[in-house]
Amino acid sequence: MDEYQECVREVDGASLVDHKGVPVTVERFLASRPLRVEISTRAGPGGKKLSYMGGETVIKTLNDAFGYDGWSSEVRSTTREEAQKDDKGRHHVAYV
C-alpha cells in the first residue's frame, strides 16, 4: 500500500475518521486546510499581512499524519526578508 494511502492513526492506534465515519488517509489529511484557529497573522514587509502556523502546530500535524519519529525536517536555504529595530531597541528579523 502507498504510504500516503495509509490511514492516520489516533494515539490508541485506531484509524482517524471524518464526520461521516470514513477513515482519513495521510494524503487527505495533509491536503486539508488547517483550522482557522491554527493560523496566526502578523504585519510583514511593506505593510503586508502574513499568515503562518506556529512550530508547535506544524509538529503536531506531522506527528498526527506520520506518527512520532515518522518524519524529519531540514533547512535547505534561508533568505532574510525583513530586519527592523523597534522603538525599544529590539531587533525583529524575518526569514523564509
N, C-alpha and C. Protein backbone atom coordinates (compact mmCIF):
# COMPACT_ATOMS: atom_id res chain seq x y z
N MET A 1 0.85 -1.18 0.00
CA MET A 1 0.00 0.00 0.00
C MET A 1 0.89 1.24 0.00
N ASP A 2 0.55 2.24 -0.79
CA ASP A 2 1.25 3.51 -0.85
C ASP A 2 1.19 4.16 0.53
N GLU A 3 2.33 4.72 1.01
CA GLU A 3 2.36 5.29 2.35
C GLU A 3 1.35 6.41 2.53
N TYR A 4 1.00 7.12 1.46
CA TYR A 4 0.04 8.21 1.56
C TYR A 4 -1.40 7.73 1.57
N GLN A 5 -1.62 6.46 1.26
CA GLN A 5 -2.95 5.88 1.31
C GLN A 5 -3.23 5.22 2.66
N GLU A 6 -2.20 5.13 3.49
CA GLU A 6 -2.39 4.59 4.84
C GLU A 6 -3.26 5.56 5.62
N CYS A 7 -3.95 5.04 6.61
CA CYS A 7 -4.82 5.87 7.43
C CYS A 7 -4.03 6.55 8.54
N VAL A 8 -4.46 7.75 8.88
CA VAL A 8 -3.92 8.45 10.03
C VAL A 8 -4.44 7.72 11.27
N ARG A 9 -3.57 7.53 12.25
CA ARG A 9 -3.93 6.78 13.46
C ARG A 9 -4.05 7.70 14.66
N GLU A 10 -5.01 7.40 15.52
CA GLU A 10 -5.14 8.07 16.81
C GLU A 10 -4.05 7.54 17.73
N VAL A 11 -3.87 8.16 18.88
CA VAL A 11 -2.85 7.73 19.84
C VAL A 11 -3.06 6.28 20.25
N ASP A 12 -4.32 5.85 20.32
CA ASP A 12 -4.61 4.47 20.74
C ASP A 12 -4.49 3.46 19.60
N GLY A 13 -4.12 3.93 18.40
CA GLY A 13 -3.94 3.04 17.26
C GLY A 13 -5.16 2.93 16.35
N ALA A 14 -6.29 3.48 16.77
CA ALA A 14 -7.50 3.45 15.95
C ALA A 14 -7.36 4.41 14.78
N SER A 15 -8.02 4.10 13.66
CA SER A 15 -7.99 4.99 12.49
C SER A 15 -8.74 6.27 12.78
N LEU A 16 -8.15 7.39 12.37
CA LEU A 16 -8.85 8.67 12.46
C LEU A 16 -9.95 8.66 11.41
N VAL A 17 -11.16 9.07 11.79
CA VAL A 17 -12.28 9.09 10.85
C VAL A 17 -12.84 10.49 10.76
N ASP A 18 -13.43 10.81 9.60
CA ASP A 18 -14.05 12.13 9.41
C ASP A 18 -15.46 12.13 9.99
N HIS A 19 -16.19 13.24 9.78
CA HIS A 19 -17.52 13.38 10.34
C HIS A 19 -18.53 12.39 9.77
N LYS A 20 -18.18 11.72 8.67
CA LYS A 20 -19.05 10.70 8.07
C LYS A 20 -18.62 9.29 8.45
N GLY A 21 -17.57 9.18 9.28
CA GLY A 21 -17.08 7.88 9.69
C GLY A 21 -16.12 7.22 8.71
N VAL A 22 -15.68 7.97 7.69
CA VAL A 22 -14.75 7.45 6.68
C VAL A 22 -13.32 7.63 7.19
N PRO A 23 -12.50 6.57 7.18
CA PRO A 23 -11.10 6.70 7.61
C PRO A 23 -10.37 7.76 6.78
N VAL A 24 -9.53 8.54 7.45
CA VAL A 24 -8.79 9.63 6.82
C VAL A 24 -7.40 9.12 6.44
N THR A 25 -7.07 9.21 5.15
CA THR A 25 -5.73 8.81 4.69
C THR A 25 -4.75 9.94 4.96
N VAL A 26 -3.46 9.61 5.00
CA VAL A 26 -2.42 10.61 5.18
C VAL A 26 -2.51 11.66 4.09
N GLU A 27 -2.71 11.23 2.84
CA GLU A 27 -2.80 12.17 1.72
C GLU A 27 -3.95 13.16 1.93
N ARG A 28 -5.10 12.66 2.32
CA ARG A 28 -6.25 13.52 2.54
C ARG A 28 -6.03 14.44 3.74
N PHE A 29 -5.43 13.92 4.79
CA PHE A 29 -5.15 14.71 5.98
C PHE A 29 -4.23 15.88 5.64
N LEU A 30 -3.15 15.62 4.91
CA LEU A 30 -2.20 16.67 4.56
C LEU A 30 -2.75 17.66 3.55
N ALA A 31 -3.74 17.24 2.75
CA ALA A 31 -4.34 18.13 1.75
C ALA A 31 -5.41 19.02 2.36
N SER A 32 -5.85 18.71 3.57
CA SER A 32 -6.90 19.50 4.20
C SER A 32 -6.36 20.86 4.63
N ARG A 33 -7.25 21.80 4.72
CA ARG A 33 -6.86 23.13 5.16
C ARG A 33 -6.81 23.16 6.68
N PRO A 34 -5.84 23.88 7.25
CA PRO A 34 -5.77 23.96 8.72
C PRO A 34 -6.98 24.72 9.27
N LEU A 35 -7.30 24.46 10.51
CA LEU A 35 -8.37 25.19 11.16
C LEU A 35 -7.98 26.65 11.30
N ARG A 36 -8.95 27.53 11.18
CA ARG A 36 -8.67 28.97 11.28
C ARG A 36 -7.97 29.31 12.59
N VAL A 37 -8.31 28.62 13.67
CA VAL A 37 -7.67 28.92 14.96
C VAL A 37 -6.20 28.53 14.98
N GLU A 38 -5.76 27.71 14.04
CA GLU A 38 -4.35 27.30 13.97
C GLU A 38 -3.49 28.29 13.18
N ILE A 39 -4.14 29.24 12.51
CA ILE A 39 -3.43 30.21 11.68
C ILE A 39 -3.27 31.53 12.45
N SER A 40 -2.05 32.02 12.50
CA SER A 40 -1.77 33.32 13.11
C SER A 40 -1.42 34.30 12.01
N THR A 41 -1.53 35.58 12.29
CA THR A 41 -1.15 36.62 11.33
C THR A 41 -0.30 37.66 12.03
N ARG A 42 0.50 38.33 11.22
CA ARG A 42 1.31 39.43 11.73
C ARG A 42 1.61 40.37 10.58
N ALA A 43 2.05 41.56 10.92
CA ALA A 43 2.44 42.53 9.90
C ALA A 43 3.75 42.07 9.27
N GLY A 44 3.85 42.23 7.97
CA GLY A 44 5.05 41.85 7.25
C GLY A 44 5.67 43.04 6.55
N PRO A 45 6.69 42.80 5.72
CA PRO A 45 7.36 43.88 5.00
C PRO A 45 6.39 44.62 4.11
N GLY A 46 6.56 45.92 4.02
CA GLY A 46 5.73 46.73 3.14
C GLY A 46 4.27 46.77 3.56
N GLY A 47 3.99 46.54 4.84
CA GLY A 47 2.62 46.60 5.32
C GLY A 47 1.77 45.39 4.94
N LYS A 48 2.40 44.35 4.38
CA LYS A 48 1.66 43.14 4.02
C LYS A 48 1.25 42.38 5.27
N LYS A 49 0.15 41.64 5.18
CA LYS A 49 -0.31 40.77 6.26
C LYS A 49 0.19 39.36 5.97
N LEU A 50 0.95 38.80 6.90
CA LEU A 50 1.49 37.45 6.73
C LEU A 50 0.70 36.47 7.59
N SER A 51 0.36 35.34 7.01
CA SER A 51 -0.31 34.25 7.74
C SER A 51 0.69 33.12 7.92
N TYR A 52 0.66 32.49 9.10
CA TYR A 52 1.61 31.40 9.36
C TYR A 52 1.05 30.46 10.42
N MET A 53 1.63 29.28 10.47
CA MET A 53 1.33 28.32 11.53
C MET A 53 2.55 28.25 12.44
N GLY A 54 2.31 28.24 13.73
CA GLY A 54 3.41 28.14 14.69
C GLY A 54 4.08 26.78 14.61
N GLY A 55 5.30 26.73 15.05
CA GLY A 55 6.07 25.50 15.01
C GLY A 55 5.41 24.34 15.74
N GLU A 56 4.79 24.60 16.90
CA GLU A 56 4.12 23.54 17.65
C GLU A 56 2.98 22.93 16.84
N THR A 57 2.23 23.77 16.11
CA THR A 57 1.13 23.28 15.30
C THR A 57 1.63 22.43 14.14
N VAL A 58 2.71 22.86 13.51
CA VAL A 58 3.29 22.10 12.40
C VAL A 58 3.77 20.73 12.90
N ILE A 59 4.47 20.72 14.03
CA ILE A 59 4.97 19.46 14.58
C ILE A 59 3.82 18.53 14.94
N LYS A 60 2.76 19.07 15.57
CA LYS A 60 1.60 18.24 15.93
C LYS A 60 0.95 17.66 14.68
N THR A 61 0.80 18.47 13.64
CA THR A 61 0.19 17.99 12.39
C THR A 61 1.00 16.86 11.78
N LEU A 62 2.32 17.02 11.71
CA LEU A 62 3.17 15.98 11.14
C LEU A 62 3.17 14.72 12.00
N ASN A 63 3.17 14.89 13.31
CA ASN A 63 3.09 13.72 14.19
C ASN A 63 1.75 13.00 14.02
N ASP A 64 0.67 13.76 13.87
CA ASP A 64 -0.65 13.14 13.64
C ASP A 64 -0.67 12.35 12.34
N ALA A 65 -0.04 12.90 11.31
CA ALA A 65 -0.07 12.25 9.99
C ALA A 65 0.88 11.06 9.89
N PHE A 66 2.10 11.20 10.39
CA PHE A 66 3.13 10.19 10.17
C PHE A 66 3.56 9.44 11.43
N GLY A 67 3.05 9.86 12.59
CA GLY A 67 3.44 9.24 13.84
C GLY A 67 4.70 9.88 14.40
N TYR A 68 4.85 9.76 15.72
CA TYR A 68 6.03 10.29 16.37
C TYR A 68 7.27 9.61 15.81
N ASP A 69 8.25 10.38 15.43
CA ASP A 69 9.50 9.89 14.86
C ASP A 69 9.30 9.27 13.48
N GLY A 70 8.19 9.59 12.81
CA GLY A 70 7.93 9.06 11.48
C GLY A 70 8.22 10.07 10.38
N TRP A 71 8.84 11.20 10.71
CA TRP A 71 9.16 12.24 9.74
C TRP A 71 10.41 12.98 10.21
N SER A 72 10.98 13.77 9.33
CA SER A 72 12.13 14.60 9.70
C SER A 72 12.06 15.90 8.91
N SER A 73 12.90 16.83 9.27
CA SER A 73 12.94 18.10 8.55
C SER A 73 14.39 18.55 8.41
N GLU A 74 14.61 19.42 7.45
CA GLU A 74 15.93 20.01 7.28
C GLU A 74 15.75 21.37 6.62
N VAL A 75 16.58 22.32 7.01
CA VAL A 75 16.58 23.65 6.41
C VAL A 75 17.56 23.62 5.26
N ARG A 76 17.06 23.86 4.06
CA ARG A 76 17.94 23.79 2.87
C ARG A 76 18.48 25.16 2.48
N SER A 77 17.71 26.20 2.75
CA SER A 77 18.19 27.55 2.47
C SER A 77 17.33 28.55 3.24
N THR A 78 17.87 29.74 3.44
CA THR A 78 17.11 30.81 4.08
C THR A 78 17.36 32.11 3.34
N THR A 79 16.39 32.98 3.41
CA THR A 79 16.51 34.31 2.83
C THR A 79 15.96 35.30 3.84
N ARG A 80 16.74 36.30 4.20
CA ARG A 80 16.24 37.32 5.12
C ARG A 80 15.29 38.23 4.37
N GLU A 81 14.09 38.34 4.85
CA GLU A 81 13.06 39.14 4.21
C GLU A 81 12.92 40.52 4.84
N GLU A 82 13.22 40.59 6.13
CA GLU A 82 12.98 41.85 6.84
C GLU A 82 13.88 41.92 8.05
N ALA A 83 14.35 43.11 8.37
CA ALA A 83 15.11 43.36 9.60
C ALA A 83 14.79 44.77 10.06
N GLN A 84 14.23 44.87 11.26
CA GLN A 84 13.85 46.18 11.80
C GLN A 84 14.24 46.28 13.26
N LYS A 85 14.43 47.49 13.71
CA LYS A 85 14.70 47.76 15.11
C LYS A 85 13.54 48.61 15.61
N ASP A 86 12.89 48.17 16.69
CA ASP A 86 11.72 48.91 17.17
C ASP A 86 12.13 50.05 18.11
N ASP A 87 11.12 50.77 18.62
CA ASP A 87 11.35 51.93 19.47
C ASP A 87 12.06 51.58 20.79
N LYS A 88 11.96 50.34 21.18
CA LYS A 88 12.59 49.89 22.44
C LYS A 88 13.97 49.31 22.20
N GLY A 89 14.46 49.37 20.96
CA GLY A 89 15.78 48.89 20.63
C GLY A 89 15.86 47.39 20.36
N ARG A 90 14.70 46.73 20.26
CA ARG A 90 14.67 45.29 19.98
C ARG A 90 14.71 45.07 18.46
N HIS A 91 15.40 44.02 18.06
CA HIS A 91 15.51 43.69 16.65
C HIS A 91 14.45 42.64 16.27
N HIS A 92 13.81 42.84 15.13
CA HIS A 92 12.82 41.91 14.60
C HIS A 92 13.28 41.50 13.21
N VAL A 93 13.56 40.21 13.04
CA VAL A 93 14.10 39.72 11.78
C VAL A 93 13.21 38.57 11.29
N ALA A 94 12.89 38.58 9.98
CA ALA A 94 12.05 37.51 9.40
C ALA A 94 12.82 36.83 8.29
N TYR A 95 12.82 35.50 8.33
CA TYR A 95 13.45 34.67 7.30
C TYR A 95 12.40 33.78 6.67
N VAL A 96 12.60 33.44 5.41
CA VAL A 96 11.77 32.42 4.74
C VAL A 96 12.67 31.39 4.13
